Amino acid sequence: MTGLCDTCVHLKPMRNDRDSVFLFCLLSKSDPRYPKYPRLPVLRCGGYSPSAQAETIPTPYRHDPSD
């Protein structure tokens, strides 16, 4: 389980030559406060935006990347 990344629109799964999958955060391209490959599971994220396919899930923890 990857936490919020499972349902975030900013997620881009990246597969390497060994068939391992890494989760790339697209927000990292425009905002250095977000890591390219966040430590999982992500339980709080200020940039989290649920994807259209995501069911409504409770997100009690919000995180401002500046803290």
PDB file of N, CA and C in Angstrom:
ATOM      1  N   MET A   1       0.845  -1.179   0.000  1.00  0.00           N
ATOM      2  CA  MET A   1       0.000   0.000   0.000  1.00  0.00           C
ATOM      3  C   MET A   1       0.888   1.239   0.000  1.00  0.00           C
ATOM      4  N   THR A   2       0.505   2.219  -0.804  1.00  0.00           N
ATOM      5  CA  THR A   2       1.301   3.432  -0.922  1.00  0.00           C
ATOM      6  C   THR A   2       0.632   4.635  -0.281  1.00  0.00           C
ATOM      7  N   GLY A   3      -0.459   4.413   0.418  1.00  0.00           N
ATOM      8  CA  GLY A   3      -1.155   5.512   1.079  1.00  0.00           C
ATOM      9  C   GLY A   3      -1.889   6.383   0.081  1.00  0.00           C
ATOM     10  N   LEU A   4      -1.748   7.689   0.225  1.00  0.00           N
ATOM     11  CA  LEU A   4      -2.467   8.633  -0.629  1.00  0.00           C
ATOM     12  C   LEU A   4      -2.060   8.514  -2.101  1.00  0.00           C
ATOM     13  N   CYS A   5      -0.843   8.094  -2.354  1.00  0.00           N
ATOM     14  CA  CYS A   5      -0.381   7.984  -3.741  1.00  0.00           C
ATOM     15  C   CYS A   5      -1.264   7.044  -4.563  1.00  0.00           C
ATOM     16  N   ASP A   6      -1.869   6.065  -3.918  1.00  0.00           N
ATOM     17  CA  ASP A   6      -2.733   5.109  -4.628  1.00  0.00           C
ATOM     18  C   ASP A   6      -3.807   5.797  -5.451  1.00  0.00           C
ATOM     19  N   THR A   7      -4.305   6.922  -4.977  1.00  0.00           N
ATOM     20  CA  THR A   7      -5.437   7.574  -5.633  1.00  0.00           C
ATOM     21  C   THR A   7      -5.145   9.008  -6.074  1.00  0.00           C
ATOM     22  N   CYS A   8      -3.889   9.389  -6.152  1.00  0.00           N
ATOM     23  CA  CYS A   8      -3.523  10.770  -6.482  1.00  0.00           C
ATOM     24  C   CYS A   8      -3.313  10.961  -7.988  1.00  0.00           C
ATOM     25  N   VAL A   9      -3.796  12.079  -8.506  1.00  0.00           N
ATOM     26  CA  VAL A   9      -3.629  12.385  -9.935  1.00  0.00           C
ATOM     27  C   VAL A   9      -2.176  12.704 -10.289  1.00  0.00           C
ATOM     28  N   HIS A  10      -1.353  13.018  -9.308  1.00  0.00           N
ATOM     29  CA  HIS A  10       0.036  13.397  -9.563  1.00  0.00           C
ATOM     30  C   HIS A  10       0.987  12.206  -9.582  1.00  0.00           C
ATOM     31  N   LEU A  11       0.453  11.011  -9.485  1.00  0.00           N
ATOM     32  CA  LEU A  11       1.275   9.798  -9.478  1.00  0.00           C
ATOM     33  C   LEU A  11       1.568   9.331 -10.894  1.00  0.00           C
ATOM     34  N   LYS A  12       2.831   8.976 -11.133  1.00  0.00           N
ATOM     35  CA  LYS A  12       3.207   8.350 -12.400  1.00  0.00           C
ATOM     36  C   LYS A  12       4.095   7.151 -12.067  1.00  0.00           C
ATOM     37  N   PRO A  13       3.562   5.940 -12.193  1.00  0.00           N
ATOM     38  CA  PRO A  13       4.397   4.763 -11.937  1.00  0.00           C
ATOM     39  C   PRO A  13       5.509   4.665 -12.984  1.00  0.00           C
ATOM     40  N   MET A  14       6.723   4.387 -12.529  1.00  0.00           N
ATOM     41  CA  MET A  14       7.880   4.267 -13.419  1.00  0.00           C
ATOM     42  C   MET A  14       8.456   2.860 -13.245  1.00  0.00           C
ATOM     43  N   ARG A  15       8.599   2.145 -14.349  1.00  0.00           N
ATOM     44  CA  ARG A  15       9.127   0.786 -14.310  1.00  0.00           C
ATOM     45  C   ARG A  15      10.557   0.797 -14.863  1.00  0.00           C
ATOM     46  N   ASN A  16      11.475   0.106 -14.170  1.00  0.00           N
ATOM     47  CA  ASN A  16      12.852   0.054 -14.647  1.00  0.00           C
ATOM     48  C   ASN A  16      13.101  -1.241 -15.427  1.00  0.00           C
ATOM     49  N   ASP A  17      14.334  -1.435 -15.856  1.00  0.00           N
ATOM     50  CA  ASP A  17      14.698  -2.602 -16.658  1.00  0.00           C
ATOM     51  C   ASP A  17      14.537  -3.917 -15.902  1.00  0.00           C
ATOM     52  N   ARG A  18      14.584  -3.850 -14.588  1.00  0.00           N
ATOM     53  CA  ARG A  18      14.452  -5.063 -13.769  1.00  0.00           C
ATOM     54  C   ARG A  18      13.001  -5.331 -13.385  1.00  0.00           C
ATOM     55  N   ASP A  19      12.092  -4.568 -13.960  1.00  0.00           N
ATOM     56  CA  ASP A  19      10.663  -4.715 -13.728  1.00  0.00           C
ATOM     57  C   ASP A  19      10.222  -4.257 -12.339  1.00  0.00           C
ATOM     58  N   SER A  20      11.041  -3.441 -11.680  1.00  0.00           N
ATOM     59  CA  SER A  20      10.645  -2.833 -10.412  1.00  0.00           C
ATOM     60  C   SER A  20       9.845  -1.581 -10.725  1.00  0.00           C
ATOM     61  N   VAL A  21       8.891  -1.264  -9.867  1.00  0.00           N
ATOM     62  CA  VAL A  21       8.062  -0.084 -10.083  1.00  0.00           C
ATOM     63  C   VAL A  21       8.352   0.941  -8.994  1.00  0.00           C
ATOM     64  N   PHE A  22       8.570   2.179  -9.414  1.00  0.00           N
ATOM     65  CA  PHE A  22       8.801   3.299  -8.514  1.00  0.00           C
ATOM     66  C   PHE A  22       7.699   4.318  -8.762  1.00  0.00           C
ATOM     67  N   LEU A  23       7.288   5.007  -7.716  1.00  0.00           N
ATOM     68  CA  LEU A  23       6.206   5.973  -7.840  1.00  0.00           C
ATOM     69  C   LEU A  23       6.781   7.381  -7.929  1.00  0.00           C
ATOM     70  N   PHE A  24       6.620   8.002  -9.079  1.00  0.00           N
ATOM     71  CA  PHE A  24       7.140   9.336  -9.350  1.00  0.00           C
ATOM     72  C   PHE A  24       6.042  10.359  -9.103  1.00  0.00           C
ATOM     73  N   CYS A  25       6.356  11.385  -8.319  1.00  0.00           N
ATOM     74  CA  CYS A  25       5.403  12.457  -8.043  1.00  0.00           C
ATOM     75  C   CYS A  25       5.599  13.565  -9.075  1.00  0.00           C
ATOM     76  N   LEU A  26       4.585  13.788  -9.895  1.00  0.00           N
ATOM     77  CA  LEU A  26       4.677  14.807 -10.945  1.00  0.00           C
ATOM     78  C   LEU A  26       4.801  16.223 -10.386  1.00  0.00           C
ATOM     79  N   LEU A  27       4.352  16.436  -9.153  1.00  0.00           N
ATOM     80  CA  LEU A  27       4.491  17.767  -8.544  1.00  0.00           C
ATOM     81  C   LEU A  27       5.960  18.151  -8.363  1.00  0.00           C
ATOM     82  N   SER A  28       6.828  17.158  -8.251  1.00  0.00           N
ATOM     83  CA  SER A  28       8.249  17.440  -8.048  1.00  0.00           C
ATOM     84  C   SER A  28       8.870  18.170  -9.242  1.00  0.00           C
ATOM     85  N   LYS A  29       8.243  18.090 -10.405  1.00  0.00           N
ATOM     86  CA  LYS A  29       8.763  18.788 -11.589  1.00  0.00           C
ATOM     87  C   LYS A  29       8.635  20.304 -11.467  1.00  0.00           C
ATOM     88  N   SER A  30       7.588  20.763 -10.765  1.00  0.00           N
ATOM     89  CA  SER A  30       7.342  22.204 -10.679  1.00  0.00           C
ATOM     90  C   SER A  30       7.521  22.776  -9.281  1.00  0.00           C
ATOM     91  N   ASP A  31       7.625  21.911  -8.280  1.00  0.00           N
ATOM     92  CA  ASP A  31       7.730  22.384  -6.892  1.00  0.00           C
ATOM     93  C   ASP A  31       8.757  21.541  -6.143  1.00  0.00           C
ATOM     94  N   PRO A  32       9.908  22.117  -5.811  1.00  0.00           N
ATOM     95  CA  PRO A  32      10.975  21.346  -5.159  1.00  0.00           C
ATOM     96  C   PRO A  32      10.631  20.846  -3.755  1.00  0.00           C
ATOM     97  N   ARG A  33       9.531  21.307  -3.190  1.00  0.00           N
ATOM     98  CA  ARG A  33       9.149  20.819  -1.863  1.00  0.00           C
ATOM     99  C   ARG A  33       8.653  19.381  -1.903  1.00  0.00           C
ATOM    100  N   TYR A  34       8.285  18.896  -3.077  1.00  0.00           N
ATOM    101  CA  TYR A  34       7.795  17.528  -3.211  1.00  0.00           C
ATOM    102  C   TYR A  34       8.909  16.625  -3.732  1.00  0.00           C
ATOM    103  N   PRO A  35       9.148  15.501  -3.058  1.00  0.00           N
ATOM    104  CA  PRO A  35      10.205  14.591  -3.529  1.00  0.00           C
ATOM    105  C   PRO A  35       9.781  13.870  -4.810  1.00  0.00           C
ATOM    106  N   LYS A  36      10.765  13.578  -5.664  1.00  0.00           N
ATOM    107  CA  LYS A  36      10.470  12.851  -6.901  1.00  0.00           C
ATOM    108  C   LYS A  36       9.885  11.480  -6.599  1.00  0.00           C
ATOM    109  N   TYR A  37      10.522  10.791  -5.664  1.00  0.00           N
ATOM    110  CA  TYR A  37      10.088   9.446  -5.279  1.00  0.00           C
ATOM    111  C   TYR A  37       9.841   9.455  -3.770  1.00  0.00           C
ATOM    112  N   PRO A  38       8.603   9.759  -3.350  1.00  0.00           N
ATOM    113  CA  PRO A  38       8.328   9.910  -1.917  1.00  0.00           C
ATOM    114  C   PRO A  38       8.478   8.600  -1.146  1.00  0.00           C
ATOM    115  N   ARG A  39       8.872   8.743   0.103  1.00  0.00           N
ATOM    116  CA  ARG A  39       8.953   7.604   1.005  1.00  0.00           C
ATOM    117  C   ARG A  39       7.539   7.114   1.282  1.00  0.00           C
ATOM    118  N   LEU A  40       7.342   5.837   1.150  1.00  0.00           N
ATOM    119  CA  LEU A  40       6.014   5.246   1.291  1.00  0.00           C
ATOM    120  C   LEU A  40       5.840   4.554   2.628  1.00  0.00           C
ATOM    121  N   PRO A  41       4.633   4.519   3.149  1.00  0.00           N
ATOM    122  CA  PRO A  41       3.398   5.061   2.609  1.00  0.00           C
ATOM    123  C   PRO A  41       3.275   6.553   2.901  1.00  0.00           C
ATOM    124  N   VAL A  42       2.690   7.277   1.980  1.00  0.00           N
ATOM    125  CA  VAL A  42       2.427   8.704   2.162  1.00  0.00           C
ATOM    126  C   VAL A  42       1.069   8.826   2.853  1.00  0.00           C
ATOM    127  N   LEU A  43       1.083   9.343   4.072  1.00  0.00           N
ATOM    128  CA  LEU A  43      -0.146   9.482   4.847  1.00  0.00           C
ATOM    129  C   LEU A  43      -0.675  10.913   4.855  1.00  0.00           C
ATOM    130  N   ARG A  44       0.205  11.878   4.567  1.00  0.00           N
ATOM    131  CA  ARG A  44      -0.184  13.288   4.524  1.00  0.00           C
ATOM    132  C   ARG A  44       0.548  13.953   3.374  1.00  0.00           C
ATOM    133  N   CYS A  45      -0.169  14.778   2.619  1.00  0.00           N
ATOM    134  CA  CYS A  45       0.475  15.494   1.517  1.00  0.00           C
ATOM    135  C   CYS A  45      -0.375  16.695   1.134  1.00  0.00           C
ATOM    136  N   GLY A  46       0.220  17.871   1.131  1.00  0.00           N
ATOM    137  CA  GLY A  46      -0.486  19.091   0.762  1.00  0.00           C
ATOM    138  C   GLY A  46      -0.840  19.145  -0.711  1.00  0.00           C
ATOM    139  N   GLY A  47      -0.166  18.366  -1.529  1.00  0.00           N
ATOM    140  CA  GLY A  47      -0.438  18.368  -2.959  1.00  0.00           C
ATOM    141  C   GLY A  47      -1.386  17.276  -3.403  1.00  0.00           C
ATOM    142  N   TYR A  48      -1.874  16.490  -2.457  1.00  0.00           N
ATOM    143  CA  TYR A  48      -2.757  15.378  -2.808  1.00  0.00           C
ATOM    144  C   TYR A  48      -4.019  15.878  -3.503  1.00  0.00           C
ATOM    145  N   SER A  49      -4.323  15.247  -4.625  1.00  0.00           N
ATOM    146  CA  SER A  49      -5.542  15.539  -5.368  1.00  0.00           C
ATOM    147  C   SER A  49      -6.085  14.211  -5.873  1.00  0.00           C
ATOM    148  N   PRO A  50      -7.264  13.794  -5.390  1.00  0.00           N
ATOM    149  CA  PRO A  50      -7.776  12.485  -5.775  1.00  0.00           C
ATOM    150  C   PRO A  50      -8.076  12.391  -7.270  1.00  0.00           C
ATOM    151  N   SER A  51      -7.771  11.246  -7.833  1.00  0.00           N
ATOM    152  CA  SER A  51      -8.056  11.018  -9.247  1.00  0.00           C
ATOM    153  C   SER A  51      -9.551  10.823  -9.456  1.00  0.00           C
ATOM    154  N   ALA A  52      -9.987  10.928 -10.697  1.00  0.00           N
ATOM    155  CA  ALA A  52     -11.406  10.786 -11.018  1.00  0.00           C
ATOM    156  C   ALA A  52     -11.926   9.393 -10.674  1.00  0.00           C
ATOM    157  N   GLN A  53     -11.066   8.373 -10.775  1.00  0.00           N
ATOM    158  CA  GLN A  53     -11.485   7.008 -10.489  1.00  0.00           C
ATOM    159  C   GLN A  53     -11.482   6.700  -8.994  1.00  0.00           C
ATOM    160  N   ALA A  54     -10.857   7.553  -8.211  1.00  0.00           N
ATOM    161  CA  ALA A  54     -10.725   7.277  -6.778  1.00  0.00           C
ATOM    162  C   ALA A  54     -12.076   7.349  -6.082  1.00  0.00           C
ATOM    163  N   GLU A  55     -12.296   6.379  -5.229  1.00  0.00           N
ATOM    164  CA  GLU A  55     -13.486   6.441  -4.383  1.00  0.00           C
ATOM    165  C   GLU A  55     -13.227   7.503  -3.331  1.00  0.00           C
ATOM    166  N   THR A  56     -14.258   8.012  -2.745  1.00  0.00           N
ATOM    167  CA  THR A  56     -14.084   8.992  -1.683  1.00  0.00           C
ATOM    168  C   THR A  56     -13.494   8.286  -0.484  1.00  0.00           C
ATOM    169  N   ILE A  57     -12.292   8.703  -0.121  1.00  0.00           N
ATOM    170  CA  ILE A  57     -11.637   8.110   1.039  1.00  0.00           C
ATOM    171  C   ILE A  57     -11.386   9.209   2.051  1.00  0.00           C
ATOM    172  N   PRO A  58     -11.464   8.877   3.321  1.00  0.00           N
ATOM    173  CA  PRO A  58     -11.179   9.905   4.325  1.00  0.00           C
ATOM    174  C   PRO A  58      -9.701  10.259   4.313  1.00  0.00           C
ATOM    175  N   THR A  59      -9.398  11.526   4.349  1.00  0.00           N
ATOM    176  CA  THR A  59      -8.008  11.975   4.407  1.00  0.00           C
ATOM    177  C   THR A  59      -7.854  12.877   5.623  1.00  0.00           C
ATOM    178  N   PRO A  60      -7.805  12.268   6.812  1.00  0.00           N
ATOM    179  CA  PRO A  60      -7.752  13.067   8.032  1.00  0.00           C
ATOM    180  C   PRO A  60      -6.437  13.798   8.215  1.00  0.00           C
ATOM    181  N   TYR A  61      -5.410  13.372   7.522  1.00  0.00           N
ATOM    182  CA  TYR A  61      -4.100  13.982   7.694  1.00  0.00           C
ATOM    183  C   TYR A  61      -3.731  14.771   6.460  1.00  0.00           C
ATOM    184  N   ARG A  62      -3.571  16.031   6.616  1.00  0.00           N
ATOM    185  CA  ARG A  62      -3.088  16.890   5.534  1.00  0.00           C
ATOM    186  C   ARG A  62      -1.710  17.378   5.926  1.00  0.00           C
ATOM    187  N   HIS A  63      -0.848  17.496   4.953  1.00  0.00           N
ATOM    188  CA  HIS A  63       0.529  17.853   5.224  1.00  0.00           C
ATOM    189  C   HIS A  63       0.942  19.036   4.366  1.00  0.00           C
ATOM    190  N   ASP A  64       1.525  20.023   5.004  1.00  0.00           N
ATOM    191  CA  ASP A  64       2.112  21.128   4.271  1.00  0.00           C
ATOM    192  C   ASP A  64       3.578  20.758   4.094  1.00  0.00           C
ATOM    193  N   PRO A  65       4.060  20.618   2.844  1.00  0.00           N
ATOM    194  CA  PRO A  65       5.440  20.172   2.630  1.00  0.00           C
ATOM    195  C   PRO A  65       6.492  21.082   3.244  1.00  0.00           C
ATOM    196  N   SER A  66       6.118  22.253   3.684  1.00  0.00           N
ATOM    197  CA  SER A  66       7.100  23.158   4.297  1.00  0.00           C
ATOM    198  C   SER A  66       7.427  22.790   5.724  1.00  0.00           C
ATOM    199  N   ASP A  67       6.655  21.865   6.329  1.00  0.00           N
ATOM    200  CA  ASP A  67       6.993  21.506   7.712  1.00  0.00           C
ATOM    201  C   ASP A  67       7.688  20.182   7.836  1.00  0.00           C
TER     202      ASP A  67
END
